[in-house]
Amino acid sequence: MSVRIECVRMTDAQRHTFVCPECRRSIEVDDAMRATLLDAGCVVCGAAVTEADIDNPSATSTPTADRLS
């Protein structure tokens, strides 16, 4: 019997910037954490999270700093 183990470097995963609509914390997350945020809410304050609260790096969007001002 053999077991195959694959390692994925974090730098290969897509990175997203999450900005909480309630506490305004900004957190850099990978795809797995993005999915968790959408399911469970903000890890800091528990507020509900929507797609609009997480930047998609492949989409053309306004930089996070501009949205916070």
N, C-alpha and C. Protein backbone atom coordinates (compact mmCIF):
# COMPACT_ATOMS: atom_id res chain seq x y z
N MET A 1 0.84 -1.17 0.00
CA MET A 1 0.00 0.00 0.00
C MET A 1 0.89 1.24 0.00
N SER A 2 0.51 2.23 -0.81
CA SER A 2 1.29 3.47 -0.84
C SER A 2 0.39 4.67 -0.54
N VAL A 3 0.99 5.69 -0.03
CA VAL A 3 0.27 6.92 0.29
C VAL A 3 0.93 8.05 -0.47
N ARG A 4 0.13 8.85 -1.13
CA ARG A 4 0.68 9.98 -1.88
C ARG A 4 0.35 11.26 -1.10
N ILE A 5 1.37 12.04 -0.84
CA ILE A 5 1.19 13.30 -0.13
C ILE A 5 1.61 14.43 -1.06
N GLU A 6 0.72 15.41 -1.22
CA GLU A 6 1.05 16.58 -2.04
C GLU A 6 1.17 17.79 -1.15
N CYS A 7 2.20 18.55 -1.38
CA CYS A 7 2.39 19.80 -0.64
C CYS A 7 2.15 20.96 -1.59
N VAL A 8 1.39 21.92 -1.13
CA VAL A 8 1.13 23.12 -1.93
C VAL A 8 1.67 24.31 -1.17
N ARG A 9 2.51 25.05 -1.82
CA ARG A 9 3.06 26.25 -1.18
C ARG A 9 1.99 27.33 -1.13
N MET A 10 1.97 28.09 -0.04
CA MET A 10 1.00 29.17 0.12
C MET A 10 1.13 30.21 -0.99
N THR A 11 2.33 30.39 -1.52
CA THR A 11 2.53 31.39 -2.56
C THR A 11 1.83 31.01 -3.86
N ASP A 12 1.50 29.71 -4.03
CA ASP A 12 0.81 29.27 -5.23
C ASP A 12 -0.70 29.52 -5.15
N ALA A 13 -1.23 29.66 -3.95
CA ALA A 13 -2.66 29.88 -3.77
C ALA A 13 -3.00 31.34 -4.06
N GLN A 14 -4.24 31.54 -4.54
CA GLN A 14 -4.68 32.92 -4.75
C GLN A 14 -4.84 33.61 -3.41
N ARG A 15 -4.47 34.86 -3.36
CA ARG A 15 -4.59 35.65 -2.13
C ARG A 15 -5.73 36.65 -2.32
N HIS A 16 -6.47 36.89 -1.26
CA HIS A 16 -7.59 37.82 -1.28
C HIS A 16 -7.46 38.75 -0.08
N THR A 17 -7.99 39.95 -0.19
CA THR A 17 -8.02 40.87 0.93
C THR A 17 -9.45 40.97 1.43
N PHE A 18 -9.63 40.61 2.70
CA PHE A 18 -10.93 40.68 3.34
C PHE A 18 -10.97 41.91 4.23
N VAL A 19 -12.03 42.71 4.10
CA VAL A 19 -12.25 43.86 4.98
C VAL A 19 -13.62 43.67 5.61
N CYS A 20 -13.64 43.51 6.94
CA CYS A 20 -14.89 43.27 7.64
C CYS A 20 -15.79 44.50 7.57
N PRO A 21 -17.06 44.30 7.24
CA PRO A 21 -17.99 45.44 7.15
C PRO A 21 -18.34 46.02 8.52
N GLU A 22 -18.09 45.28 9.58
CA GLU A 22 -18.41 45.75 10.94
C GLU A 22 -17.20 46.31 11.67
N CYS A 23 -16.18 45.48 11.90
CA CYS A 23 -15.02 45.92 12.70
C CYS A 23 -13.93 46.57 11.85
N ARG A 24 -14.06 46.49 10.50
CA ARG A 24 -13.14 47.10 9.53
C ARG A 24 -11.73 46.51 9.54
N ARG A 25 -11.55 45.34 10.16
CA ARG A 25 -10.25 44.66 10.12
C ARG A 25 -9.96 44.23 8.69
N SER A 26 -8.73 44.36 8.28
CA SER A 26 -8.31 43.94 6.95
C SER A 26 -7.37 42.76 7.11
N ILE A 27 -7.70 41.65 6.44
CA ILE A 27 -6.91 40.42 6.58
C ILE A 27 -6.64 39.84 5.20
N GLU A 28 -5.41 39.46 4.95
CA GLU A 28 -5.03 38.77 3.72
C GLU A 28 -5.34 37.28 3.90
N VAL A 29 -6.11 36.68 2.99
CA VAL A 29 -6.52 35.29 3.14
C VAL A 29 -6.31 34.51 1.84
N ASP A 30 -6.23 33.17 1.97
CA ASP A 30 -6.13 32.31 0.79
C ASP A 30 -7.54 31.82 0.43
N ASP A 31 -7.63 30.98 -0.59
CA ASP A 31 -8.94 30.50 -1.06
C ASP A 31 -9.71 29.74 0.02
N ALA A 32 -9.01 28.91 0.79
CA ALA A 32 -9.67 28.12 1.83
C ALA A 32 -10.24 29.02 2.93
N MET A 33 -9.47 30.00 3.35
CA MET A 33 -9.94 30.91 4.39
C MET A 33 -11.05 31.80 3.87
N ARG A 34 -11.00 32.15 2.60
CA ARG A 34 -12.07 32.93 1.98
C ARG A 34 -13.40 32.19 2.09
N ALA A 35 -13.37 30.91 1.77
CA ALA A 35 -14.57 30.08 1.85
C ALA A 35 -15.07 30.00 3.30
N THR A 36 -14.15 29.87 4.24
CA THR A 36 -14.51 29.81 5.65
C THR A 36 -15.16 31.11 6.10
N LEU A 37 -14.61 32.24 5.69
CA LEU A 37 -15.19 33.53 6.05
C LEU A 37 -16.62 33.66 5.53
N LEU A 38 -16.84 33.22 4.29
CA LEU A 38 -18.18 33.30 3.71
C LEU A 38 -19.17 32.42 4.46
N ASP A 39 -18.69 31.28 4.96
CA ASP A 39 -19.56 30.35 5.71
C ASP A 39 -19.78 30.78 7.15
N ALA A 40 -18.70 31.20 7.82
CA ALA A 40 -18.75 31.40 9.27
C ALA A 40 -18.76 32.86 9.72
N GLY A 41 -18.36 33.78 8.86
CA GLY A 41 -18.30 35.18 9.25
C GLY A 41 -16.91 35.61 9.67
N CYS A 42 -16.80 36.87 10.08
CA CYS A 42 -15.52 37.47 10.47
C CYS A 42 -14.93 36.73 11.67
N VAL A 43 -13.64 36.43 11.60
CA VAL A 43 -12.97 35.73 12.69
C VAL A 43 -12.73 36.64 13.89
N VAL A 44 -12.81 37.94 13.70
CA VAL A 44 -12.58 38.89 14.79
C VAL A 44 -13.87 39.20 15.54
N CYS A 45 -14.94 39.60 14.80
CA CYS A 45 -16.17 40.05 15.45
C CYS A 45 -17.39 39.18 15.18
N GLY A 46 -17.29 38.25 14.23
CA GLY A 46 -18.41 37.34 13.95
C GLY A 46 -19.44 37.88 12.96
N ALA A 47 -19.21 39.07 12.41
CA ALA A 47 -20.17 39.65 11.46
C ALA A 47 -20.28 38.80 10.20
N ALA A 48 -21.46 38.81 9.60
CA ALA A 48 -21.68 38.10 8.34
C ALA A 48 -20.78 38.69 7.25
N VAL A 49 -20.28 37.83 6.37
CA VAL A 49 -19.37 38.24 5.29
C VAL A 49 -20.01 37.90 3.96
N THR A 50 -19.92 38.83 3.00
CA THR A 50 -20.43 38.61 1.65
C THR A 50 -19.27 38.65 0.66
N GLU A 51 -19.54 38.25 -0.57
CA GLU A 51 -18.53 38.29 -1.63
C GLU A 51 -17.95 39.70 -1.78
N ALA A 52 -18.78 40.72 -1.59
CA ALA A 52 -18.34 42.10 -1.76
C ALA A 52 -17.30 42.52 -0.72
N ASP A 53 -17.23 41.81 0.40
CA ASP A 53 -16.27 42.13 1.46
C ASP A 53 -14.89 41.54 1.20
N ILE A 54 -14.76 40.72 0.16
CA ILE A 54 -13.49 40.05 -0.14
C ILE A 54 -13.08 40.39 -1.56
N ASP A 55 -11.90 41.02 -1.70
CA ASP A 55 -11.37 41.36 -3.02
C ASP A 55 -11.02 40.10 -3.79
N ASN A 56 -11.33 40.09 -5.06
CA ASN A 56 -10.91 39.02 -5.95
C ASN A 56 -9.69 39.52 -6.69
N PRO A 57 -8.52 38.91 -6.48
CA PRO A 57 -7.29 39.43 -7.08
C PRO A 57 -7.28 39.44 -8.59
N SER A 58 -8.10 38.61 -9.22
CA SER A 58 -8.09 38.58 -10.69
C SER A 58 -9.11 39.57 -11.26
N ALA A 59 -9.95 40.15 -10.42
CA ALA A 59 -10.92 41.13 -10.89
C ALA A 59 -10.31 42.52 -10.83
N THR A 60 -10.80 43.40 -11.69
CA THR A 60 -10.36 44.78 -11.63
C THR A 60 -11.25 45.48 -10.63
N SER A 61 -10.65 45.92 -9.52
CA SER A 61 -11.44 46.55 -8.47
C SER A 61 -10.70 47.71 -7.87
N THR A 62 -11.43 48.49 -7.10
CA THR A 62 -10.84 49.62 -6.40
C THR A 62 -9.95 49.10 -5.30
N PRO A 63 -8.75 49.64 -5.14
CA PRO A 63 -7.87 49.17 -4.07
C PRO A 63 -8.53 49.33 -2.71
N THR A 64 -8.19 48.44 -1.79
CA THR A 64 -8.78 48.43 -0.46
C THR A 64 -8.63 49.77 0.24
N ALA A 65 -7.49 50.40 0.15
CA ALA A 65 -7.26 51.67 0.84
C ALA A 65 -8.26 52.73 0.37
N ASP A 66 -8.63 52.73 -0.90
CA ASP A 66 -9.58 53.70 -1.41
C ASP A 66 -10.98 53.44 -0.86
N ARG A 67 -11.32 52.18 -0.66
CA ARG A 67 -12.66 51.85 -0.16
C ARG A 67 -12.80 52.20 1.31
N LEU A 68 -11.70 52.21 2.05
CA LEU A 68 -11.77 52.48 3.48
C LEU A 68 -11.88 53.96 3.80
N SER A 69 -11.52 54.82 2.87
CA SER A 69 -11.55 56.24 3.17
C SER A 69 -12.91 56.84 2.93
